[in-house]
Amino acid sequence: MSHDKPSLLRRLWCLWQRLPLWLQILVGMTLGIVTGLCLGERAEYLKPIGTLFVNTIKMLIVPLVFCSLIVGVTSMEDTSKMGRIGFKSFAFYLATTSIAISVGLLVGSLMAPGEGLPLAANLEAAAPKAAPSVMETLINIVPTNPVAALANGQILQVIVFAVALGVALVLIGEHGKPAIRVFESLAEAMYKLTDMVMRLAPYGVFGLMAWVSGKYGMQMLWPLIKVIIAVYLGCALHILGFYSVVLSLFAKLNPVQFFKGISNALAVAFTTSSSAGTLPASMKCASEYLGVNKKISSFVLPLGTTINMDGTALYQGVTALFVAQAFGVDLTWVDYITIVLTATLASIGTAGVPGAGLVMLTLVLTSVGLPLEGVALIAGIDRILDMARTVVNVSGDLVATTIIAKSENELDLEHYNADLQQSALIAEQNAAAEQKADV
């Protein structure tokens, strides 16, 4: 019998290892919820497991964005092509963000989650610090100290500096090639480190979900259940409806194949509530499962992580209407347009980290004169809403990357249409061919 137990454990471990990452993450999340509900407040002891995982992801973000952007920019020696891709990315992100908040406003109007809950604007809760104005955001995108921007994780400033440095390295020709090779080597090391960290995702997710469900319990969903349903419904419509139509019409691609390919990234996005934290998984999905050339994904995805906030914008639409309805404030068409413009522009400077949408909400509420005390109503369920809106953010980044890659003939259609195992095999073969070519 003593020999059977280790053998059984080994078989179980081998079975676990053969599961795809998204399924491992789903199992970890489910076990975490059940464990949290069973342990209650004692699940707090499991939080460090999730915190450790989130910290390892945060460790990757700045060097990964910095190195991958420089490699992405320098790989496009044709500066006109680089400018064209940048313009396409920016235009796509702003257009889809404005559509997303319109979807949020529509769902909020139809479901009216705040009706029947008239409140006086005297809730005892301190609103989070207001987000910077649009003008401040535009001024602050250029770092006065690039090293400080890297150290402090100012992603928008890091992106500006990385793009500028990449352009400069291309323009100096032969003199820039040694530095480019260094950044290419660092980028490859970051991709490998990303792969190593992502293997820890199921365990980190288990710790995070155990803590959340243990601390709040399932009853946390009930007080604002209509808001939660409205946000999740809007997110589902935007992902499965709008993104599917965009992929089918503009890129002539199969949406089902796309969503299969990004399932790992969506699982990480849902559980970590961080589009910046999901960037490593997104880059892995784009290259390994969708067949997007790294020249495109290493440029478009980090850019999208900062300026593309479709899910956050959609959430702004629903929650702004909820606050207006709860406090009995009638919004005009001018207010609706103001909300769309403010949320779209503010999304450019919003960090892709958990809770950033709540800060952005203060700017949207202020723009149309709604009481900031309404933020206190949303804060209690913000984590649950954050999960859904992060999935939309990440989906939007990957949709843009795929469509832009297709428009630039940088999408391997055979790779895209293959099943997940074949895609992983093709990715390994391509990587081996690239290494052989470099040698």
Protein backbone atom coordinates (compact mmCIF):
# COMPACT_ATOMS: atom_id res chain seq x y z
CA MET A 1 0.00 0.00 0.00
CA SER A 2 2.88 2.33 0.75
CA HIS A 3 3.90 2.12 -2.90
CA ASP A 4 0.38 2.83 -4.17
CA LYS A 5 0.04 6.27 -2.59
CA PRO A 6 3.08 7.87 -4.27
CA SER A 7 2.09 6.21 -7.52
CA LEU A 8 -1.43 7.64 -7.27
CA LEU A 9 -0.05 11.08 -6.47
CA ARG A 10 2.29 10.88 -9.45
CA ARG A 11 -0.56 9.90 -11.75
CA LEU A 12 -2.70 12.75 -10.45
CA TRP A 13 0.19 15.19 -10.91
CA CYS A 14 0.79 13.98 -14.48
CA LEU A 15 -2.92 14.36 -15.23
CA TRP A 16 -2.86 17.89 -13.79
CA GLN A 17 0.18 18.78 -15.87
CA ARG A 18 -1.55 17.64 -19.06
CA LEU A 19 -4.50 19.98 -18.50
CA PRO A 20 -4.41 23.21 -20.56
CA LEU A 21 -3.52 26.31 -18.56
CA TRP A 22 -7.00 27.86 -18.81
CA LEU A 23 -8.53 24.71 -17.34
CA GLN A 24 -5.96 24.63 -14.53
CA ILE A 25 -6.83 28.26 -13.77
CA LEU A 26 -10.56 27.47 -13.82
CA VAL A 27 -10.03 24.55 -11.43
CA GLY A 28 -7.92 26.78 -9.17
CA MET A 29 -10.60 29.47 -9.18
CA THR A 30 -13.41 26.99 -8.39
CA LEU A 31 -11.45 25.34 -5.60
CA GLY A 32 -10.56 28.79 -4.26
CA ILE A 33 -14.22 29.87 -4.09
CA VAL A 34 -15.28 26.64 -2.37
CA THR A 35 -12.36 26.83 0.07
CA GLY A 36 -13.10 30.48 0.88
CA LEU A 37 -16.78 29.78 1.56
CA CYS A 38 -15.82 26.88 3.84
CA LEU A 39 -13.10 28.73 5.75
CA GLY A 40 -14.80 32.13 5.95
CA GLU A 41 -12.56 34.84 7.41
CA ARG A 42 -9.81 32.27 8.01
CA ALA A 43 -9.28 32.25 4.22
CA GLU A 44 -7.29 35.46 4.85
CA TYR A 45 -4.32 33.15 5.51
CA LEU A 46 -4.41 32.05 1.87
CA LYS A 47 -4.23 35.60 0.53
CA PRO A 48 -0.38 35.70 0.50
CA ILE A 49 -0.40 32.94 -2.15
CA GLY A 50 -2.41 35.19 -4.47
CA THR A 51 -0.44 38.28 -3.50
CA LEU A 52 2.81 36.53 -4.34
CA PHE A 53 1.49 35.60 -7.78
CA VAL A 54 0.27 39.14 -8.47
CA ASN A 55 3.67 40.48 -7.39
CA THR A 56 5.49 38.17 -9.81
CA ILE A 57 3.25 39.43 -12.62
CA LYS A 58 3.86 43.05 -11.62
CA MET A 59 7.58 42.28 -11.68
CA LEU A 60 7.28 41.48 -15.39
CA ILE A 61 5.18 44.40 -16.57
CA VAL A 62 7.65 47.32 -16.90
CA PRO A 63 10.63 45.38 -18.36
CA LEU A 64 8.32 43.38 -20.64
CA VAL A 65 6.57 46.48 -21.99
CA PHE A 66 9.84 48.41 -22.35
CA CYS A 67 11.82 45.67 -24.12
CA SER A 68 8.96 44.35 -26.28
CA LEU A 69 8.04 47.84 -27.49
CA ILE A 70 11.61 48.65 -28.46
CA VAL A 71 11.88 45.31 -30.28
CA GLY A 72 8.52 45.93 -31.94
CA VAL A 73 9.51 49.40 -33.11
CA THR A 74 13.02 48.46 -34.27
CA SER A 75 11.76 45.37 -36.12
CA MET A 76 9.75 47.70 -38.34
CA GLU A 77 12.64 49.41 -40.08
CA ASP A 78 10.10 51.03 -42.38
CA THR A 79 9.16 54.06 -40.25
CA SER A 80 6.12 54.73 -42.42
CA LYS A 81 4.82 51.24 -41.55
CA MET A 82 5.44 51.90 -37.86
CA GLY A 83 3.49 55.16 -38.04
CA ARG A 84 0.70 53.44 -39.95
CA ILE A 85 0.35 50.69 -37.34
CA GLY A 86 0.43 53.25 -34.52
CA PHE A 87 -2.33 55.26 -36.18
CA LYS A 88 -4.45 52.14 -36.79
CA SER A 89 -4.04 51.06 -33.16
CA PHE A 90 -4.92 54.46 -31.73
CA ALA A 91 -7.94 54.95 -34.01
CA PHE A 92 -9.25 51.42 -33.33
CA TYR A 93 -8.89 51.74 -29.56
CA LEU A 94 -10.61 55.13 -29.34
CA ALA A 95 -13.46 54.05 -31.65
CA THR A 96 -14.17 50.81 -29.76
CA THR A 97 -13.94 52.58 -26.39
CA SER A 98 -16.60 55.12 -27.39
CA ILE A 99 -18.81 52.27 -28.65
CA ALA A 100 -18.28 50.36 -25.40
CA ILE A 101 -19.44 53.22 -23.19
CA SER A 102 -22.46 53.68 -25.47
CA VAL A 103 -23.30 50.01 -24.91
CA GLY A 104 -22.97 50.60 -21.16
CA LEU A 105 -25.31 53.60 -21.29
CA LEU A 106 -27.85 51.61 -23.35
CA VAL A 107 -27.83 48.64 -20.96
CA GLY A 108 -28.00 50.98 -17.95
CA SER A 109 -30.98 52.80 -19.47
CA LEU A 110 -32.86 49.59 -20.25
CA MET A 111 -32.21 47.83 -16.93
CA ALA A 112 -32.38 50.98 -14.76
CA PRO A 113 -30.45 49.42 -11.85
CA GLY A 114 -30.70 52.52 -9.63
CA GLU A 115 -34.43 53.18 -9.96
CA GLY A 116 -36.41 52.82 -6.76
CA LEU A 117 -33.34 53.64 -4.70
CA PRO A 118 -33.47 57.45 -4.20
CA LEU A 119 -30.69 58.57 -1.90
CA ALA A 120 -29.56 61.84 -0.36
CA ALA A 121 -26.04 62.82 -1.27
CA ASN A 122 -24.68 62.37 2.23
CA LEU A 123 -23.20 58.89 2.28
CA GLU A 124 -20.38 58.58 4.75
CA ALA A 125 -17.60 57.33 2.62
CA ALA A 126 -14.55 59.01 1.27
CA ALA A 127 -14.32 58.89 -2.48
CA PRO A 128 -10.96 57.90 -3.91
CA LYS A 129 -8.62 60.57 -5.16
CA ALA A 130 -9.96 62.12 -8.36
CA ALA A 131 -8.34 61.10 -11.59
CA PRO A 132 -6.16 63.67 -13.39
CA SER A 133 -7.79 65.90 -15.99
CA VAL A 134 -7.46 65.13 -19.69
CA MET A 135 -5.02 68.05 -20.12
CA GLU A 136 -2.85 66.80 -17.25
CA THR A 137 -2.84 63.34 -18.80
CA LEU A 138 -1.68 64.72 -22.16
CA ILE A 139 1.07 66.79 -20.52
CA ASN A 140 2.29 63.94 -18.31
CA ILE A 141 2.73 61.39 -21.10
CA VAL A 142 6.26 62.70 -21.74
CA PRO A 143 8.51 61.71 -18.82
CA THR A 144 10.85 64.33 -17.40
CA ASN A 145 12.91 61.47 -15.98
CA PRO A 146 12.64 58.17 -17.94
CA VAL A 147 14.48 56.24 -15.22
CA ALA A 148 11.98 57.44 -12.61
CA ALA A 149 9.12 56.49 -14.94
CA LEU A 150 10.55 52.98 -15.23
CA ALA A 151 11.11 52.73 -11.48
CA ASN A 152 7.62 54.00 -10.60
CA GLY A 153 5.84 51.92 -13.22
CA GLN A 154 4.39 54.92 -15.11
CA ILE A 155 3.35 52.78 -18.08
CA LEU A 156 2.20 55.57 -20.40
CA GLN A 157 5.49 57.41 -19.90
CA VAL A 158 7.43 54.16 -20.35
CA ILE A 159 5.63 53.56 -23.65
CA VAL A 160 6.44 57.06 -24.95
CA PHE A 161 10.11 56.71 -24.02
CA ALA A 162 10.38 53.17 -25.42
CA VAL A 163 8.81 54.19 -28.75
CA ALA A 164 11.04 57.28 -28.97
CA LEU A 165 14.17 55.23 -28.18
CA GLY A 166 13.16 52.55 -30.68
CA VAL A 167 12.67 55.15 -33.44
CA ALA A 168 16.05 56.71 -32.60
CA LEU A 169 17.79 53.30 -32.79
CA VAL A 170 16.26 52.73 -36.24
CA LEU A 171 17.28 56.17 -37.49
CA ILE A 172 20.97 55.83 -36.51
CA GLY A 173 21.28 52.73 -38.68
CA GLU A 174 24.32 50.49 -38.13
CA HIS A 175 25.27 52.24 -34.88
CA GLY A 176 21.97 51.16 -33.33
CA LYS A 177 22.21 47.45 -34.16
CA PRO A 178 24.32 46.41 -31.13
CA ALA A 179 21.79 48.00 -28.77
CA ILE A 180 18.90 46.47 -30.72
CA ARG A 181 20.43 43.00 -30.30
CA VAL A 182 20.68 43.60 -26.54
CA PHE A 183 17.01 44.53 -26.31
CA GLU A 184 16.05 41.55 -28.50
CA SER A 185 17.93 39.25 -26.12
CA LEU A 186 16.30 40.89 -23.08
CA ALA A 187 12.87 40.60 -24.72
CA GLU A 188 13.36 36.87 -25.35
CA ALA A 189 14.43 36.43 -21.73
CA MET A 190 11.29 38.27 -20.59
CA TYR A 191 9.10 36.05 -22.79
CA LYS A 192 10.67 32.97 -21.19
CA LEU A 193 10.29 34.41 -17.70
CA THR A 194 6.67 35.17 -18.54
CA ASP A 195 6.11 31.54 -19.48
CA MET A 196 7.62 30.44 -16.16
CA VAL A 197 5.47 32.83 -14.14
CA MET A 198 2.26 31.84 -15.95
CA ARG A 199 2.73 28.27 -14.77
CA LEU A 200 2.06 29.59 -11.26
CA ALA A 201 -1.28 31.13 -12.27
CA PRO A 202 -3.60 28.31 -11.03
CA TYR A 203 -2.10 28.46 -7.54
CA GLY A 204 -2.14 32.24 -7.35
CA VAL A 205 -5.74 32.32 -8.57
CA PHE A 206 -6.69 29.76 -5.91
CA GLY A 207 -5.30 32.02 -3.18
CA LEU A 208 -6.96 35.17 -4.57
CA MET A 209 -10.41 33.65 -4.99
CA ALA A 210 -10.29 31.91 -1.60
CA TRP A 211 -9.60 35.26 0.06
CA VAL A 212 -12.31 37.17 -1.88
CA SER A 213 -15.06 34.60 -1.29
CA GLY A 214 -14.00 34.05 2.32
CA LYS A 215 -14.00 37.77 3.14
CA TYR A 216 -17.23 38.81 1.43
CA GLY A 217 -19.26 35.62 1.05
CA MET A 218 -21.88 35.17 -1.66
CA GLN A 219 -24.20 37.69 -0.02
CA MET A 220 -21.94 40.49 -1.30
CA LEU A 221 -23.60 40.05 -4.68
CA TRP A 222 -27.15 40.70 -3.52
CA PRO A 223 -27.39 44.45 -2.61
CA LEU A 224 -26.33 45.62 -6.08
CA ILE A 225 -27.19 42.53 -8.07
CA LYS A 226 -28.83 44.52 -10.90
CA VAL A 227 -25.67 46.58 -11.42
CA ILE A 228 -23.61 43.40 -11.59
CA ILE A 229 -26.03 41.80 -14.07
CA ALA A 230 -26.08 44.98 -16.19
CA VAL A 231 -22.28 45.23 -16.37
CA TYR A 232 -21.84 41.52 -17.11
CA LEU A 233 -24.58 41.62 -19.75
CA GLY A 234 -23.03 44.66 -21.40
CA CYS A 235 -19.59 43.02 -21.37
CA ALA A 236 -20.98 39.83 -22.92
CA LEU A 237 -22.75 41.82 -25.65
CA HIS A 238 -19.60 43.78 -26.43
CA ILE A 239 -17.33 40.71 -26.56
CA LEU A 240 -19.56 38.13 -28.21
CA GLY A 241 -21.56 40.59 -30.31
CA PHE A 242 -19.48 43.60 -31.31
CA TYR A 243 -16.03 41.95 -31.37
CA SER A 244 -17.36 38.93 -33.28
CA VAL A 245 -18.89 41.21 -35.91
CA VAL A 246 -15.67 43.24 -36.18
CA LEU A 247 -13.56 40.08 -36.65
CA SER A 248 -15.97 38.66 -39.22
CA LEU A 249 -16.51 41.83 -41.24
CA PHE A 250 -13.16 43.62 -41.11
CA ALA A 251 -10.73 40.69 -40.93
CA LYS A 252 -12.84 37.83 -42.39
CA LEU A 253 -11.78 35.65 -39.46
CA ASN A 254 -13.66 33.00 -37.49
CA PRO A 255 -14.56 34.52 -34.07
CA VAL A 256 -14.93 31.08 -32.44
CA GLN A 257 -11.33 30.25 -33.35
CA PHE A 258 -10.24 33.61 -31.94
CA PHE A 259 -11.92 33.12 -28.56
CA LYS A 260 -10.49 29.60 -28.28
CA GLY A 261 -7.04 31.03 -28.85
CA ILE A 262 -7.31 33.72 -26.16
CA SER A 263 -9.00 31.59 -23.47
CA ASN A 264 -5.87 31.47 -21.29
CA ALA A 265 -5.51 35.26 -21.31
CA LEU A 266 -9.21 35.76 -20.51
CA ALA A 267 -8.96 33.38 -17.53
CA VAL A 268 -6.00 35.34 -16.16
CA ALA A 269 -7.80 38.66 -16.82
CA PHE A 270 -10.95 37.54 -15.01
CA THR A 271 -9.15 36.31 -11.92
CA THR A 272 -6.44 38.99 -11.57
CA SER A 273 -8.58 41.98 -12.68
CA SER A 274 -5.51 43.55 -14.27
CA SER A 275 -5.12 44.09 -18.01
CA ALA A 276 -1.49 45.14 -17.43
CA GLY A 277 -0.95 42.02 -15.33
CA THR A 278 -2.50 39.92 -18.10
CA LEU A 279 -0.14 41.36 -20.73
CA PRO A 280 2.32 38.43 -20.51
CA ALA A 281 -0.52 35.93 -21.10
CA SER A 282 -1.94 38.10 -23.92
CA MET A 283 1.40 38.20 -25.72
CA LYS A 284 1.75 34.45 -25.34
CA CYS A 285 -1.75 33.85 -26.79
CA ALA A 286 -1.20 36.25 -29.69
CA SER A 287 2.00 34.57 -30.86
CA GLU A 288 1.37 30.94 -29.93
CA TYR A 289 -2.35 30.48 -30.61
CA LEU A 290 -3.43 33.26 -32.99
CA GLY A 291 -0.38 33.32 -35.24
CA VAL A 292 0.25 37.05 -34.87
CA ASN A 293 3.79 38.09 -35.74
CA LYS A 294 5.65 39.32 -32.65
CA LYS A 295 6.57 42.48 -34.54
CA ILE A 296 2.91 43.45 -34.34
CA SER A 297 1.92 42.03 -30.94
CA SER A 298 4.95 43.49 -29.14
CA PHE A 299 3.90 46.96 -30.31
CA VAL A 300 0.08 46.90 -30.34
CA LEU A 301 -0.58 44.94 -27.11
CA PRO A 302 1.46 47.12 -24.70
CA LEU A 303 -0.08 50.19 -26.33
CA GLY A 304 -3.56 48.73 -25.88
CA THR A 305 -2.92 47.89 -22.24
CA THR A 306 -2.58 51.61 -21.58
CA ILE A 307 -5.02 53.32 -23.93
CA ASN A 308 -7.65 50.64 -24.61
CA MET A 309 -10.20 50.42 -21.79
CA ASP A 310 -13.38 49.20 -23.50
CA GLY A 311 -14.56 47.26 -20.45
CA THR A 312 -13.78 50.09 -18.08
CA ALA A 313 -15.62 52.55 -20.33
CA LEU A 314 -18.65 50.25 -20.51
CA TYR A 315 -18.61 50.01 -16.73
CA GLN A 316 -18.54 53.82 -16.52
CA GLY A 317 -21.72 54.01 -18.57
CA VAL A 318 -23.66 51.55 -16.40
CA THR A 319 -22.44 52.88 -13.05
CA ALA A 320 -22.85 56.57 -13.96
CA LEU A 321 -26.49 55.87 -14.85
CA PHE A 322 -26.91 53.85 -11.66
CA VAL A 323 -25.65 56.77 -9.55
CA ALA A 324 -27.87 59.23 -11.44
CA GLN A 325 -30.92 56.99 -10.94
CA ALA A 326 -30.10 56.31 -7.29
CA PHE A 327 -29.84 60.04 -6.50
CA GLY A 328 -32.81 60.99 -8.69
CA VAL A 329 -30.78 63.06 -11.19
CA ASP A 330 -32.15 63.32 -14.74
CA LEU A 331 -29.41 63.30 -17.36
CA THR A 332 -29.76 65.18 -20.64
CA TRP A 333 -28.43 64.16 -24.06
CA VAL A 334 -25.59 66.63 -23.51
CA ASP A 335 -24.73 64.74 -20.31
CA TYR A 336 -24.70 61.45 -22.20
CA ILE A 337 -22.33 62.86 -24.83
CA THR A 338 -20.15 64.33 -22.08
CA ILE A 339 -19.93 60.94 -20.38
CA VAL A 340 -18.92 59.27 -23.67
CA LEU A 341 -16.20 61.84 -24.43
CA THR A 342 -14.86 62.02 -20.87
CA ALA A 343 -14.65 58.26 -20.41
CA THR A 344 -13.06 57.76 -23.84
CA LEU A 345 -10.34 60.37 -23.29
CA ALA A 346 -9.77 59.47 -19.64
CA SER A 347 -9.19 55.84 -20.63
CA ILE A 348 -5.93 56.91 -22.30
CA GLY A 349 -4.33 57.66 -18.95
CA THR A 350 -5.97 54.96 -16.83
CA ALA A 351 -3.62 52.31 -15.49
CA GLY A 352 -4.47 48.72 -16.34
CA VAL A 353 -4.43 47.58 -12.70
CA PRO A 354 -7.17 46.43 -10.30
CA GLY A 355 -9.38 49.27 -9.04
CA ALA A 356 -8.27 51.85 -11.62
CA GLY A 357 -11.81 52.05 -13.01
CA LEU A 358 -13.10 53.26 -9.65
CA VAL A 359 -10.70 56.21 -9.79
CA MET A 360 -11.75 56.93 -13.35
CA LEU A 361 -15.40 56.89 -12.27
CA THR A 362 -14.85 59.97 -10.11
CA LEU A 363 -13.81 61.95 -13.22
CA VAL A 364 -16.89 60.79 -15.16
CA LEU A 365 -19.28 61.61 -12.31
CA THR A 366 -17.70 65.04 -11.85
CA SER A 367 -18.01 65.84 -15.56
CA VAL A 368 -21.83 65.68 -15.39
CA GLY A 369 -22.28 66.98 -11.84
CA LEU A 370 -23.23 63.68 -10.17
CA PRO A 371 -22.42 63.26 -6.45
CA LEU A 372 -19.09 61.57 -5.80
CA GLU A 373 -20.71 59.84 -2.82
CA GLY A 374 -22.10 57.48 -5.45
CA VAL A 375 -18.61 55.99 -5.75
CA ALA A 376 -19.10 54.52 -2.26
CA LEU A 377 -22.07 52.53 -3.55
CA ILE A 378 -19.99 50.95 -6.31
CA ALA A 379 -16.85 50.39 -4.24
CA GLY A 380 -18.33 47.40 -2.43
CA ILE A 381 -18.84 45.42 -5.64
CA ASP A 382 -16.05 46.96 -7.68
CA ARG A 383 -13.89 43.85 -7.52
CA ILE A 384 -16.66 41.73 -9.04
CA LEU A 385 -17.25 44.31 -11.79
CA ASP A 386 -13.49 44.65 -12.30
CA MET A 387 -13.26 40.98 -13.30
CA ALA A 388 -15.76 41.39 -16.15
CA ARG A 389 -14.46 44.70 -17.47
CA THR A 390 -10.86 43.42 -17.49
CA VAL A 391 -11.94 40.53 -19.71
CA VAL A 392 -13.37 43.07 -22.18
CA ASN A 393 -10.20 45.20 -22.02
CA VAL A 394 -7.97 42.21 -22.77
CA SER A 395 -10.29 40.91 -25.50
CA GLY A 396 -10.22 44.33 -27.17
CA ASP A 397 -6.41 44.43 -27.09
CA LEU A 398 -6.21 41.03 -28.77
CA VAL A 399 -8.93 41.82 -31.33
CA ALA A 400 -7.05 44.98 -32.36
CA THR A 401 -3.75 43.10 -32.55
CA THR A 402 -5.27 40.35 -34.71
CA ILE A 403 -7.06 42.72 -37.09
CA ILE A 404 -4.02 44.99 -37.50
CA ALA A 405 -1.78 41.96 -38.08
CA LYS A 406 -4.20 40.73 -40.78
CA SER A 407 -4.24 44.17 -42.44
CA GLU A 408 -0.42 44.20 -42.51
CA ASN A 409 -0.13 40.58 -43.78
CA GLU A 410 1.54 39.64 -40.49
CA LEU A 411 -1.05 37.01 -39.47
CA ASP A 412 -0.34 33.32 -40.15
CA LEU A 413 -3.81 32.09 -41.19
CA GLU A 414 -2.81 28.41 -41.02
CA HIS A 415 -1.60 29.00 -37.49
CA TYR A 416 -4.77 30.96 -36.60
CA ASN A 417 -7.11 28.25 -37.85
CA ALA A 418 -5.24 25.35 -36.24
CA ASP A 419 -6.44 23.76 -32.99
CA LEU A 420 -4.65 24.75 -29.77
CA GLN A 421 -2.18 21.84 -29.73
CA GLN A 422 -1.25 22.36 -33.37
CA SER A 423 -0.88 26.11 -32.73
CA ALA A 424 1.55 25.49 -29.88
CA LEU A 425 3.55 23.12 -32.10
CA ILE A 426 3.65 25.63 -34.97
CA ALA A 427 4.79 28.33 -32.53
CA GLU A 428 7.65 26.11 -31.31
CA GLN A 429 8.71 25.37 -34.90
CA ASN A 430 8.63 29.07 -35.82
CA ALA A 431 10.66 29.98 -32.74
CA ALA A 432 13.25 27.30 -33.57
CA ALA A 433 13.45 28.57 -37.17
CA GLU A 434 13.96 32.15 -35.96
CA GLN A 435 16.75 31.09 -33.60
CA LYS A 436 18.46 29.13 -36.41
CA ALA A 437 18.16 32.17 -38.71
CA ASP A 438 19.73 34.43 -36.05
CA VAL A 439 22.67 32.03 -35.71
